[in-house]
Amino acid sequence: ALPAPAPEDYASNAYVAPRNAIEETLVNIWREVLGVEQIGVYDDFFELGGHSLLVTKVATRLKQQLGVELPLRTLFEVPTVAALAEIFSAVSATSSATDELAAGDEEFEEGSL
């Protein structure tokens, strides 16, 4: 039988460090789940040894740490930290805009009483 490959044997892209807080959080989650020390923002989750059971662990930690619940399908379709961070940024921007609109509606309702 062949020995199991070391986690660093999976890395295929040049290392690019996290560039913002969201990417740093995502990288830390992946480190914990995959047991790989160095993960760049363009590394593919599945090329690093990820699989469907680990995707569910990532999804759970994303919800716990970032408060955002993503469909598992998204994690299969977007397997890099950089692409996933873009989705989180878009979700955050949308929810911030929605929160601002809701706050404006509340002010309008209070002012009209």
PDB file of N, CA and C in Angstrom:
ATOM      1  N   ALA A   1       0.846  -1.185   0.000  1.00  0.00           N
ATOM      2  CA  ALA A   1       0.000   0.000   0.000  1.00  0.00           C
ATOM      3  C   ALA A   1       0.885   1.240   0.000  1.00  0.00           C
ATOM      4  N   LEU A   2       0.428   2.233  -0.695  1.00  0.00           N
ATOM      5  CA  LEU A   2       1.150   3.495  -0.753  1.00  0.00           C
ATOM      6  C   LEU A   2       0.880   4.314   0.501  1.00  0.00           C
ATOM      7  N   PRO A   3       1.869   5.091   0.935  1.00  0.00           N
ATOM      8  CA  PRO A   3       1.618   5.955   2.093  1.00  0.00           C
ATOM      9  C   PRO A   3       0.656   7.079   1.710  1.00  0.00           C
ATOM     10  N   ALA A   4      -0.101   7.542   2.682  1.00  0.00           N
ATOM     11  CA  ALA A   4      -1.021   8.664   2.435  1.00  0.00           C
ATOM     12  C   ALA A   4      -0.195   9.913   2.127  1.00  0.00           C
ATOM     13  N   PRO A   5      -0.619  10.695   1.136  1.00  0.00           N
ATOM     14  CA  PRO A   5       0.130  11.913   0.824  1.00  0.00           C
ATOM     15  C   PRO A   5       0.019  12.920   1.965  1.00  0.00           C
ATOM     16  N   ALA A   6       1.079  13.687   2.134  1.00  0.00           N
ATOM     17  CA  ALA A   6       1.076  14.747   3.146  1.00  0.00           C
ATOM     18  C   ALA A   6       0.202  15.885   2.652  1.00  0.00           C
ATOM     19  N   PRO A   7      -0.447  16.623   3.563  1.00  0.00           N
ATOM     20  CA  PRO A   7      -1.313  17.723   3.139  1.00  0.00           C
ATOM     21  C   PRO A   7      -0.634  18.722   2.212  1.00  0.00           C
ATOM     22  N   GLU A   8       0.642  19.010   2.443  1.00  0.00           N
ATOM     23  CA  GLU A   8       1.324  19.985   1.581  1.00  0.00           C
ATOM     24  C   GLU A   8       1.529  19.459   0.160  1.00  0.00           C
ATOM     25  N   ASP A   9       1.392  18.158  -0.051  1.00  0.00           N
ATOM     26  CA  ASP A   9       1.508  17.590  -1.389  1.00  0.00           C
ATOM     27  C   ASP A   9       0.319  17.970  -2.267  1.00  0.00           C
ATOM     28  N   TYR A  10      -0.780  18.406  -1.659  1.00  0.00           N
ATOM     29  CA  TYR A  10      -1.969  18.766  -2.415  1.00  0.00           C
ATOM     30  C   TYR A  10      -1.894  20.161  -3.026  1.00  0.00           C
ATOM     31  N   ALA A  11      -1.139  21.059  -2.436  1.00  0.00           N
ATOM     32  CA  ALA A  11      -1.099  22.452  -2.887  1.00  0.00           C
ATOM     33  C   ALA A  11      -0.595  22.529  -4.329  1.00  0.00           C
ATOM     34  N   SER A  12      -1.309  23.287  -5.161  1.00  0.00           N
ATOM     35  CA  SER A  12      -0.918  23.384  -6.558  1.00  0.00           C
ATOM     36  C   SER A  12      -0.714  24.828  -7.008  1.00  0.00           C
ATOM     37  N   ASN A  13      -1.266  25.787  -6.327  1.00  0.00           N
ATOM     38  CA  ASN A  13      -1.154  27.189  -6.705  1.00  0.00           C
ATOM     39  C   ASN A  13      -0.050  27.866  -5.906  1.00  0.00           C
ATOM     40  N   ALA A  14       0.477  28.946  -6.470  1.00  0.00           N
ATOM     41  CA  ALA A  14       1.439  29.752  -5.731  1.00  0.00           C
ATOM     42  C   ALA A  14       0.722  30.355  -4.527  1.00  0.00           C
ATOM     43  N   TYR A  15       1.411  30.399  -3.407  1.00  0.00           N
ATOM     44  CA  TYR A  15       0.802  30.885  -2.177  1.00  0.00           C
ATOM     45  C   TYR A  15       0.517  32.380  -2.253  1.00  0.00           C
ATOM     46  N   VAL A  16      -0.727  32.745  -1.943  1.00  0.00           N
ATOM     47  CA  VAL A  16      -1.132  34.143  -1.801  1.00  0.00           C
ATOM     48  C   VAL A  16      -1.810  34.242  -0.443  1.00  0.00           C
ATOM     49  N   ALA A  17      -1.244  35.066   0.427  1.00  0.00           N
ATOM     50  CA  ALA A  17      -1.757  35.220   1.791  1.00  0.00           C
ATOM     51  C   ALA A  17      -3.120  35.913   1.792  1.00  0.00           C
ATOM     52  N   PRO A  18      -3.906  35.720   2.851  1.00  0.00           N
ATOM     53  CA  PRO A  18      -5.183  36.434   2.981  1.00  0.00           C
ATOM     54  C   PRO A  18      -4.956  37.944   2.947  1.00  0.00           C
ATOM     55  N   ARG A  19      -5.877  38.644   2.270  1.00  0.00           N
ATOM     56  CA  ARG A  19      -5.722  40.087   2.079  1.00  0.00           C
ATOM     57  C   ARG A  19      -6.681  40.922   2.902  1.00  0.00           C
ATOM     58  N   ASN A  20      -7.618  40.277   3.578  1.00  0.00           N
ATOM     59  CA  ASN A  20      -8.569  41.021   4.408  1.00  0.00           C
ATOM     60  C   ASN A  20      -9.095  40.096   5.510  1.00  0.00           C
ATOM     61  N   ALA A  21      -9.931  40.641   6.365  1.00  0.00           N
ATOM     62  CA  ALA A  21     -10.419  39.891   7.532  1.00  0.00           C
ATOM     63  C   ALA A  21     -11.270  38.684   7.142  1.00  0.00           C
ATOM     64  N   ILE A  22     -12.080  38.825   6.118  1.00  0.00           N
ATOM     65  CA  ILE A  22     -12.926  37.700   5.689  1.00  0.00           C
ATOM     66  C   ILE A  22     -12.055  36.559   5.188  1.00  0.00           C
ATOM     67  N   GLU A  23     -11.076  36.874   4.339  1.00  0.00           N
ATOM     68  CA  GLU A  23     -10.191  35.828   3.830  1.00  0.00           C
ATOM     69  C   GLU A  23      -9.402  35.177   4.968  1.00  0.00           C
ATOM     70  N   GLU A  24      -8.974  35.970   5.940  1.00  0.00           N
ATOM     71  CA  GLU A  24      -8.231  35.423   7.082  1.00  0.00           C
ATOM     72  C   GLU A  24      -9.109  34.442   7.868  1.00  0.00           C
ATOM     73  N   THR A  25     -10.369  34.806   8.094  1.00  0.00           N
ATOM     74  CA  THR A  25     -11.293  33.923   8.807  1.00  0.00           C
ATOM     75  C   THR A  25     -11.524  32.632   8.028  1.00  0.00           C
ATOM     76  N   LEU A  26     -11.735  32.759   6.725  1.00  0.00           N
ATOM     77  CA  LEU A  26     -11.960  31.581   5.890  1.00  0.00           C
ATOM     78  C   LEU A  26     -10.736  30.666   5.892  1.00  0.00           C
ATOM     79  N   VAL A  27      -9.549  31.236   5.772  1.00  0.00           N
ATOM     80  CA  VAL A  27      -8.318  30.446   5.792  1.00  0.00           C
ATOM     81  C   VAL A  27      -8.185  29.717   7.122  1.00  0.00           C
ATOM     82  N   ASN A  28      -8.486  30.397   8.218  1.00  0.00           N
ATOM     83  CA  ASN A  28      -8.393  29.753   9.536  1.00  0.00           C
ATOM     84  C   ASN A  28      -9.365  28.588   9.665  1.00  0.00           C
ATOM     85  N   ILE A  29     -10.566  28.753   9.141  1.00  0.00           N
ATOM     86  CA  ILE A  29     -11.549  27.663   9.166  1.00  0.00           C
ATOM     87  C   ILE A  29     -11.028  26.482   8.353  1.00  0.00           C
ATOM     88  N   TRP A  30     -10.511  26.754   7.172  1.00  0.00           N
ATOM     89  CA  TRP A  30      -9.989  25.686   6.322  1.00  0.00           C
ATOM     90  C   TRP A  30      -8.813  24.988   6.991  1.00  0.00           C
ATOM     91  N   ARG A  31      -7.937  25.764   7.663  1.00  0.00           N
ATOM     92  CA  ARG A  31      -6.791  25.161   8.362  1.00  0.00           C
ATOM     93  C   ARG A  31      -7.273  24.154   9.402  1.00  0.00           C
ATOM     94  N   GLU A  32      -8.274  24.567  10.177  1.00  0.00           N
ATOM     95  CA  GLU A  32      -8.805  23.698  11.223  1.00  0.00           C
ATOM     96  C   GLU A  32      -9.425  22.434  10.643  1.00  0.00           C
ATOM     97  N   VAL A  33     -10.222  22.606   9.613  1.00  0.00           N
ATOM     98  CA  VAL A  33     -10.962  21.481   9.043  1.00  0.00           C
ATOM     99  C   VAL A  33     -10.057  20.545   8.249  1.00  0.00           C
ATOM    100  N   LEU A  34      -9.135  21.108   7.472  1.00  0.00           N
ATOM    101  CA  LEU A  34      -8.288  20.294   6.607  1.00  0.00           C
ATOM    102  C   LEU A  34      -7.004  19.812   7.277  1.00  0.00           C
ATOM    103  N   GLY A  35      -6.600  20.503   8.342  1.00  0.00           N
ATOM    104  CA  GLY A  35      -5.342  20.144   8.984  1.00  0.00           C
ATOM    105  C   GLY A  35      -4.128  20.516   8.148  1.00  0.00           C
ATOM    106  N   VAL A  36      -4.267  21.548   7.330  1.00  0.00           N
ATOM    107  CA  VAL A  36      -3.186  22.038   6.477  1.00  0.00           C
ATOM    108  C   VAL A  36      -2.747  23.380   7.035  1.00  0.00           C
ATOM    109  N   GLU A  37      -1.452  23.541   7.255  1.00  0.00           N
ATOM    110  CA  GLU A  37      -0.950  24.758   7.900  1.00  0.00           C
ATOM    111  C   GLU A  37      -0.999  25.983   6.992  1.00  0.00           C
ATOM    112  N   GLN A  38      -0.492  25.855   5.776  1.00  0.00           N
ATOM    113  CA  GLN A  38      -0.439  27.015   4.882  1.00  0.00           C
ATOM    114  C   GLN A  38      -1.479  26.877   3.782  1.00  0.00           C
ATOM    115  N   ILE A  39      -2.439  27.778   3.784  1.00  0.00           N
ATOM    116  CA  ILE A  39      -3.481  27.787   2.763  1.00  0.00           C
ATOM    117  C   ILE A  39      -3.524  29.176   2.162  1.00  0.00           C
ATOM    118  N   GLY A  40      -3.380  29.235   0.853  1.00  0.00           N
ATOM    119  CA  GLY A  40      -3.468  30.498   0.135  1.00  0.00           C
ATOM    120  C   GLY A  40      -4.884  30.742  -0.337  1.00  0.00           C
ATOM    121  N   VAL A  41      -5.170  31.980  -0.684  1.00  0.00           N
ATOM    122  CA  VAL A  41      -6.539  32.336  -1.059  1.00  0.00           C
ATOM    123  C   VAL A  41      -6.979  31.734  -2.394  1.00  0.00           C
ATOM    124  N   TYR A  42      -6.025  31.264  -3.209  1.00  0.00           N
ATOM    125  CA  TYR A  42      -6.380  30.656  -4.492  1.00  0.00           C
ATOM    126  C   TYR A  42      -6.262  29.132  -4.479  1.00  0.00           C
ATOM    127  N   ASP A  43      -5.956  28.554  -3.316  1.00  0.00           N
ATOM    128  CA  ASP A  43      -5.886  27.096  -3.215  1.00  0.00           C
ATOM    129  C   ASP A  43      -7.292  26.513  -3.276  1.00  0.00           C
ATOM    130  N   ASP A  44      -7.414  25.392  -3.960  1.00  0.00           N
ATOM    131  CA  ASP A  44      -8.696  24.714  -4.118  1.00  0.00           C
ATOM    132  C   ASP A  44      -8.935  23.785  -2.923  1.00  0.00           C
ATOM    133  N   PHE A  45     -10.090  23.932  -2.288  1.00  0.00           N
ATOM    134  CA  PHE A  45     -10.454  23.141  -1.114  1.00  0.00           C
ATOM    135  C   PHE A  45     -10.287  21.644  -1.371  1.00  0.00           C
ATOM    136  N   PHE A  46     -10.738  21.195  -2.519  1.00  0.00           N
ATOM    137  CA  PHE A  46     -10.729  19.768  -2.822  1.00  0.00           C
ATOM    138  C   PHE A  46      -9.333  19.272  -3.192  1.00  0.00           C
ATOM    139  N   GLU A  47      -8.520  20.124  -3.786  1.00  0.00           N
ATOM    140  CA  GLU A  47      -7.141  19.750  -4.089  1.00  0.00           C
ATOM    141  C   GLU A  47      -6.301  19.683  -2.810  1.00  0.00           C
ATOM    142  N   LEU A  48      -6.750  20.363  -1.755  1.00  0.00           N
ATOM    143  CA  LEU A  48      -6.051  20.321  -0.473  1.00  0.00           C
ATOM    144  C   LEU A  48      -6.463  19.116   0.375  1.00  0.00           C
ATOM    145  N   GLY A  49      -7.352  18.290  -0.166  1.00  0.00           N
ATOM    146  CA  GLY A  49      -7.786  17.094   0.556  1.00  0.00           C
ATOM    147  C   GLY A  49      -9.212  17.164   1.061  1.00  0.00           C
ATOM    148  N   GLY A  50      -9.920  18.235   0.741  1.00  0.00           N
ATOM    149  CA  GLY A  50     -11.307  18.373   1.169  1.00  0.00           C
ATOM    150  C   GLY A  50     -12.224  17.396   0.458  1.00  0.00           C
ATOM    151  N   HIS A  51     -13.343  17.082   1.110  1.00  0.00           N
ATOM    152  CA  HIS A  51     -14.359  16.205   0.525  1.00  0.00           C
ATOM    153  C   HIS A  51     -15.717  16.606   1.103  1.00  0.00           C
ATOM    154  N   SER A  52     -16.746  15.908   0.695  1.00  0.00           N
ATOM    155  CA  SER A  52     -18.111  16.306   1.038  1.00  0.00           C
ATOM    156  C   SER A  52     -18.368  16.381   2.545  1.00  0.00           C
ATOM    157  N   LEU A  53     -17.814  15.473   3.320  1.00  0.00           N
ATOM    158  CA  LEU A  53     -18.036  15.524   4.766  1.00  0.00           C
ATOM    159  C   LEU A  53     -17.362  16.746   5.386  1.00  0.00           C
ATOM    160  N   LEU A  54     -16.204  17.103   4.857  1.00  0.00           N
ATOM    161  CA  LEU A  54     -15.519  18.287   5.370  1.00  0.00           C
ATOM    162  C   LEU A  54     -16.220  19.576   4.939  1.00  0.00           C
ATOM    163  N   VAL A  55     -16.899  19.537   3.796  1.00  0.00           N
ATOM    164  CA  VAL A  55     -17.674  20.703   3.359  1.00  0.00           C
ATOM    165  C   VAL A  55     -18.751  21.023   4.403  1.00  0.00           C
ATOM    166  N   THR A  56     -19.378  19.999   4.957  1.00  0.00           N
ATOM    167  CA  THR A  56     -20.411  20.246   5.970  1.00  0.00           C
ATOM    168  C   THR A  56     -19.809  20.870   7.234  1.00  0.00           C
ATOM    169  N   LYS A  57     -18.592  20.461   7.594  1.00  0.00           N
ATOM    170  CA  LYS A  57     -17.921  21.070   8.747  1.00  0.00           C
ATOM    171  C   LYS A  57     -17.609  22.534   8.475  1.00  0.00           C
ATOM    172  N   VAL A  58     -17.146  22.821   7.261  1.00  0.00           N
ATOM    173  CA  VAL A  58     -16.853  24.213   6.892  1.00  0.00           C
ATOM    174  C   VAL A  58     -18.129  25.040   6.959  1.00  0.00           C
ATOM    175  N   ALA A  59     -19.217  24.523   6.417  1.00  0.00           N
ATOM    176  CA  ALA A  59     -20.482  25.254   6.422  1.00  0.00           C
ATOM    177  C   ALA A  59     -20.934  25.567   7.843  1.00  0.00           C
ATOM    178  N   THR A  60     -20.780  24.613   8.739  1.00  0.00           N
ATOM    179  CA  THR A  60     -21.155  24.825  10.138  1.00  0.00           C
ATOM    180  C   THR A  60     -20.307  25.912  10.771  1.00  0.00           C
ATOM    181  N   ARG A  61     -19.019  25.887  10.521  1.00  0.00           N
ATOM    182  CA  ARG A  61     -18.121  26.893  11.107  1.00  0.00           C
ATOM    183  C   ARG A  61     -18.345  28.267  10.497  1.00  0.00           C
ATOM    184  N   LEU A  62     -18.704  28.314   9.224  1.00  0.00           N
ATOM    185  CA  LEU A  62     -19.014  29.599   8.595  1.00  0.00           C
ATOM    186  C   LEU A  62     -20.222  30.241   9.268  1.00  0.00           C
ATOM    187  N   LYS A  63     -21.209  29.427   9.549  1.00  0.00           N
ATOM    188  CA  LYS A  63     -22.406  29.941  10.217  1.00  0.00           C
ATOM    189  C   LYS A  63     -22.077  30.402  11.632  1.00  0.00           C
ATOM    190  N   GLN A  64     -21.273  29.618  12.358  1.00  0.00           N
ATOM    191  CA  GLN A  64     -20.920  29.965  13.733  1.00  0.00           C
ATOM    192  C   GLN A  64     -20.062  31.224  13.809  1.00  0.00           C
ATOM    193  N   GLN A  65     -19.061  31.323  12.934  1.00  0.00           N
ATOM    194  CA  GLN A  65     -18.089  32.404  13.047  1.00  0.00           C
ATOM    195  C   GLN A  65     -18.454  33.657  12.273  1.00  0.00           C
ATOM    196  N   LEU A  66     -19.147  33.502  11.145  1.00  0.00           N
ATOM    197  CA  LEU A  66     -19.488  34.667  10.325  1.00  0.00           C
ATOM    198  C   LEU A  66     -20.984  34.967  10.309  1.00  0.00           C
ATOM    199  N   GLY A  67     -21.772  34.046  10.841  1.00  0.00           N
ATOM    200  CA  GLY A  67     -23.208  34.280  10.911  1.00  0.00           C
ATOM    201  C   GLY A  67     -23.915  34.207   9.573  1.00  0.00           C
ATOM    202  N   VAL A  68     -23.292  33.579   8.594  1.00  0.00           N
ATOM    203  CA  VAL A  68     -23.893  33.462   7.265  1.00  0.00           C
ATOM    204  C   VAL A  68     -24.038  31.984   6.930  1.00  0.00           C
ATOM    205  N   GLU A  69     -25.244  31.627   6.509  1.00  0.00           N
ATOM    206  CA  GLU A  69     -25.503  30.245   6.133  1.00  0.00           C
ATOM    207  C   GLU A  69     -25.532  30.148   4.613  1.00  0.00           C
ATOM    208  N   LEU A  70     -24.596  29.398   4.080  1.00  0.00           N
ATOM    209  CA  LEU A  70     -24.533  29.197   2.632  1.00  0.00           C
ATOM    210  C   LEU A  70     -25.005  27.791   2.295  1.00  0.00           C
ATOM    211  N   PRO A  71     -25.657  27.642   1.156  1.00  0.00           N
ATOM    212  CA  PRO A  71     -26.006  26.288   0.719  1.00  0.00           C
ATOM    213  C   PRO A  71     -24.724  25.483   0.481  1.00  0.00           C
ATOM    214  N   LEU A  72     -24.735  24.215   0.795  1.00  0.00           N
ATOM    215  CA  LEU A  72     -23.563  23.364   0.580  1.00  0.00           C
ATOM    216  C   LEU A  72     -23.122  23.404  -0.878  1.00  0.00           C
ATOM    217  N   ARG A  73     -24.076  23.517  -1.757  1.00  0.00           N
ATOM    218  CA  ARG A  73     -23.776  23.564  -3.191  1.00  0.00           C
ATOM    219  C   ARG A  73     -22.806  24.696  -3.505  1.00  0.00           C
ATOM    220  N   THR A  74     -22.966  25.835  -2.848  1.00  0.00           N
ATOM    221  CA  THR A  74     -22.086  26.973  -3.077  1.00  0.00           C
ATOM    222  C   THR A  74     -20.647  26.612  -2.753  1.00  0.00           C
ATOM    223  N   LEU A  75     -20.442  25.894  -1.669  1.00  0.00           N
ATOM    224  CA  LEU A  75     -19.087  25.515  -1.273  1.00  0.00           C
ATOM    225  C   LEU A  75     -18.457  24.540  -2.269  1.00  0.00           C
ATOM    226  N   PHE A  76     -19.275  23.756  -2.949  1.00  0.00           N
ATOM    227  CA  PHE A  76     -18.743  22.870  -3.984  1.00  0.00           C
ATOM    228  C   PHE A  76     -18.416  23.662  -5.251  1.00  0.00           C
ATOM    229  N   GLU A  77     -19.217  24.667  -5.548  1.00  0.00           N
ATOM    230  CA  GLU A  77     -19.038  25.444  -6.774  1.00  0.00           C
ATOM    231  C   GLU A  77     -17.963  26.518  -6.639  1.00  0.00           C
ATOM    232  N   VAL A  78     -17.691  26.944  -5.432  1.00  0.00           N
ATOM    233  CA  VAL A  78     -16.731  28.022  -5.181  1.00  0.00           C
ATOM    234  C   VAL A  78     -15.673  27.487  -4.210  1.00  0.00           C
ATOM    235  N   PRO A  79     -14.686  26.746  -4.722  1.00  0.00           N
ATOM    236  CA  PRO A  79     -13.767  26.042  -3.825  1.00  0.00           C
ATOM    237  C   PRO A  79     -12.499  26.800  -3.419  1.00  0.00           C
ATOM    238  N   THR A  80     -12.465  28.124  -3.636  1.00  0.00           N
ATOM    239  CA  THR A  80     -11.288  28.883  -3.197  1.00  0.00           C
ATOM    240  C   THR A  80     -11.705  29.945  -2.183  1.00  0.00           C
ATOM    241  N   VAL A  81     -10.784  30.299  -1.318  1.00  0.00           N
ATOM    242  CA  VAL A  81     -11.039  31.330  -0.307  1.00  0.00           C
ATOM    243  C   VAL A  81     -11.357  32.659  -0.990  1.00  0.00           C
ATOM    244  N   ALA A  82     -10.606  33.009  -2.034  1.00  0.00           N
ATOM    245  CA  ALA A  82     -10.811  34.291  -2.714  1.00  0.00           C
ATOM    246  C   ALA A  82     -12.229  34.407  -3.272  1.00  0.00           C
ATOM    247  N   ALA A  83     -12.694  33.368  -3.962  1.00  0.00           N
ATOM    248  CA  ALA A  83     -14.037  33.406  -4.544  1.00  0.00           C
ATOM    249  C   ALA A  83     -15.109  33.387  -3.461  1.00  0.00           C
ATOM    250  N   LEU A  84     -14.891  32.623  -2.428  1.00  0.00           N
ATOM    251  CA  LEU A  84     -15.856  32.548  -1.328  1.00  0.00           C
ATOM    252  C   LEU A  84     -15.932  33.891  -0.591  1.00  0.00           C
ATOM    253  N   ALA A  85     -14.801  34.551  -0.426  1.00  0.00           N
ATOM    254  CA  ALA A  85     -14.768  35.862   0.231  1.00  0.00           C
ATOM    255  C   ALA A  85     -15.568  36.887  -0.572  1.00  0.00           C
ATOM    256  N   GLU A  86     -15.509  36.788  -1.897  1.00  0.00           N
ATOM    257  CA  GLU A  86     -16.303  37.698  -2.736  1.00  0.00           C
ATOM    258  C   GLU A  86     -17.793  37.501  -2.484  1.00  0.00           C
ATOM    259  N   ILE A  87     -18.205  36.254  -2.334  1.00  0.00           N
ATOM    260  CA  ILE A  87     -19.616  35.969  -2.049  1.00  0.00           C
ATOM    261  C   ILE A  87     -19.997  36.553  -0.692  1.00  0.00           C
ATOM    262  N   PHE A  88     -19.148  36.372   0.308  1.00  0.00           N
ATOM    263  CA  PHE A  88     -19.425  36.922   1.633  1.00  0.00           C
ATOM    264  C   PHE A  88     -19.508  38.443   1.586  1.00  0.00           C
ATOM    265  N   SER A  89     -18.640  39.069   0.815  1.00  0.00           N
ATOM    266  CA  SER A  89     -18.671  40.532   0.687  1.00  0.00           C
ATOM    267  C   SER A  89     -19.982  40.979   0.050  1.00  0.00           C
ATOM    268  N   ALA A  90     -20.416  40.251  -0.977  1.00  0.00           N
ATOM    269  CA  ALA A  90     -21.675  40.585  -1.640  1.00  0.00           C
ATOM    270  C   ALA A  90     -22.859  40.386  -0.703  1.00  0.00           C
ATOM    271  N   VAL A  91     -22.840  39.295   0.051  1.00  0.00           N
ATOM    272  CA  VAL A  91     -23.921  39.028   1.006  1.00  0.00           C
ATOM    273  C   VAL A  91     -23.934  40.110   2.088  1.00  0.00           C
ATOM    274  N   SER A  92     -22.756  40.476   2.578  1.00  0.00           N
ATOM    275  CA  SER A  92     -22.664  41.511   3.614  1.00  0.00           C
ATOM    276  C   SER A  92     -23.165  42.848   3.095  1.00  0.00           C
ATOM    277  N   ALA A  93     -22.788  43.199   1.861  1.00  0.00           N
ATOM    278  CA  ALA A  93     -23.226  44.462   1.276  1.00  0.00           C
ATOM    279  C   ALA A  93     -24.741  44.472   1.103  1.00  0.00           C
ATOM    280  N   THR A  94     -25.293  43.353   0.650  1.00  0.00           N
ATOM    281  CA  THR A  94     -26.742  43.254   0.459  1.00  0.00           C
ATOM    282  C   THR A  94     -27.466  43.342   1.788  1.00  0.00           C
ATOM    283  N   SER A  95     -26.971  42.626   2.806  1.00  0.00           N
ATOM    284  CA  SER A  95     -27.654  42.652   4.095  1.00  0.00           C
ATOM    285  C   SER A  95     -27.490  44.018   4.760  1.00  0.00           C
ATOM    286  N   SER A  96     -26.359  44.705   4.539  1.00  0.00           N
ATOM    287  CA  SER A  96     -26.179  46.050   5.091  1.00  0.00           C
ATOM    288  C   SER A  96     -27.160  47.014   4.449  1.00  0.00           C
ATOM    289  N   ALA A  97     -27.313  46.894   3.127  1.00  0.00           N
ATOM    290  CA  ALA A  97     -28.257  47.766   2.433  1.00  0.00           C
ATOM    291  C   ALA A  97     -29.675  47.482   2.893  1.00  0.00           C
ATOM    292  N   THR A  98     -30.007  46.212   3.079  1.00  0.00           N
ATOM    293  CA  THR A  98     -31.338  45.830   3.557  1.00  0.00           C
ATOM    294  C   THR A  98     -31.561  46.366   4.966  1.00  0.00           C
ATOM    295  N   ASP A  99     -30.546  46.265   5.835  1.00  0.00           N
ATOM    296  CA  ASP A  99     -30.652  46.780   7.201  1.00  0.00           C
ATOM    297  C   ASP A  99     -30.866  48.288   7.195  1.00  0.00           C
ATOM    298  N   GLU A 100     -30.149  48.997   6.316  1.00  0.00           N
ATOM    299  CA  GLU A 100     -30.299  50.448   6.225  1.00  0.00           C
ATOM    300  C   GLU A 100     -31.701  50.811   5.756  1.00  0.00           C
ATOM    301  N   LEU A 101     -32.210  50.062   4.779  1.00  0.00           N
ATOM    302  CA  LEU A 101     -33.572  50.323   4.299  1.00  0.00           C
ATOM    303  C   LEU A 101     -34.587  50.064   5.404  1.00  0.00           C
ATOM    304  N   ALA A 102     -34.408  48.987   6.132  1.00  0.00           N
ATOM    305  CA  ALA A 102     -35.325  48.661   7.222  1.00  0.00           C
ATOM    306  C   ALA A 102     -35.263  49.737   8.296  1.00  0.00           C
ATOM    307  N   ALA A 103     -34.073  50.220   8.614  1.00  0.00           N
ATOM    308  CA  ALA A 103     -33.935  51.283   9.610  1.00  0.00           C
ATOM    309  C   ALA A 103     -34.612  52.552   9.117  1.00  0.00           C
ATOM    310  N   GLY A 104     -34.483  52.844   7.828  1.00  0.00           N
ATOM    311  CA  GLY A 104     -35.141  54.016   7.252  1.00  0.00           C
ATOM    312  C   GLY A 104     -36.648  53.892   7.317  1.00  0.00           C
ATOM    313  N   ASP A 105     -37.169  52.693   7.083  1.00  0.00           N
ATOM    314  CA  ASP A 105     -38.608  52.457   7.175  1.00  0.00           C
ATOM    315  C   ASP A 105     -39.091  52.679   8.595  1.00  0.00           C
ATOM    316  N   GLU A 106     -38.315  52.217   9.593  1.00  0.00           N
ATOM    317  CA  GLU A 106     -38.699  52.399  10.993  1.00  0.00           C
ATOM    318  C   GLU A 106     -38.726  53.885  11.349  1.00  0.00           C
ATOM    319  N   GLU A 107     -37.737  54.640  10.882  1.00  0.00           N
ATOM    320  CA  GLU A 107     -37.700  56.080  11.161  1.00  0.00           C
ATOM    321  C   GLU A 107     -38.909  56.758  10.514  1.00  0.00           C
ATOM    322  N   PHE A 108     -39.229  56.341   9.273  1.00  0.00           N
ATOM    323  CA  PHE A 108     -40.369  56.910   8.580  1.00  0.00           C
ATOM    324  C   PHE A 108     -41.656  56.632   9.341  1.00  0.00           C
ATOM    325  N   GLU A 109     -41.828  55.391   9.814  1.00  0.00           N
ATOM    326  CA  GLU A 109     -43.019  55.019  10.547  1.00  0.00           C
ATOM    327  C   GLU A 109     -43.119  55.794  11.850  1.00  0.00           C
ATOM    328  N   GLU A 110     -41.970  55.955  12.542  1.00  0.00           N
ATOM    329  CA  GLU A 110     -41.980  56.699  13.809  1.00  0.00           C
ATOM    330  C   GLU A 110     -42.295  58.162  13.558  1.00  0.00           C
ATOM    331  N   GLY A 111     -41.756  58.722  12.500  1.00  0.00           N
ATOM    332  CA  GLY A 111     -41.982  60.132  12.180  1.00  0.00           C
ATOM    333  C   GLY A 111     -43.391  60.421  11.717  1.00  0.00           C
ATOM    334  N   SER A 112     -44.057  59.416  11.174  1.00  0.00           N
ATOM    335  CA  SER A 112     -45.399  59.655  10.649  1.00  0.00           C
ATOM    336  C   SER A 112     -46.469  59.493  11.704  1.00  0.00           C
ATOM    337  N   LEU A 113     -46.097  59.091  12.929  1.00  0.00           N
ATOM    338  CA  LEU A 113     -47.089  58.917  13.995  1.00  0.00           C
ATOM    339  C   LEU A 113     -47.458  60.204  14.611  1.00  0.00           C
TER     340      LEU A 113
END
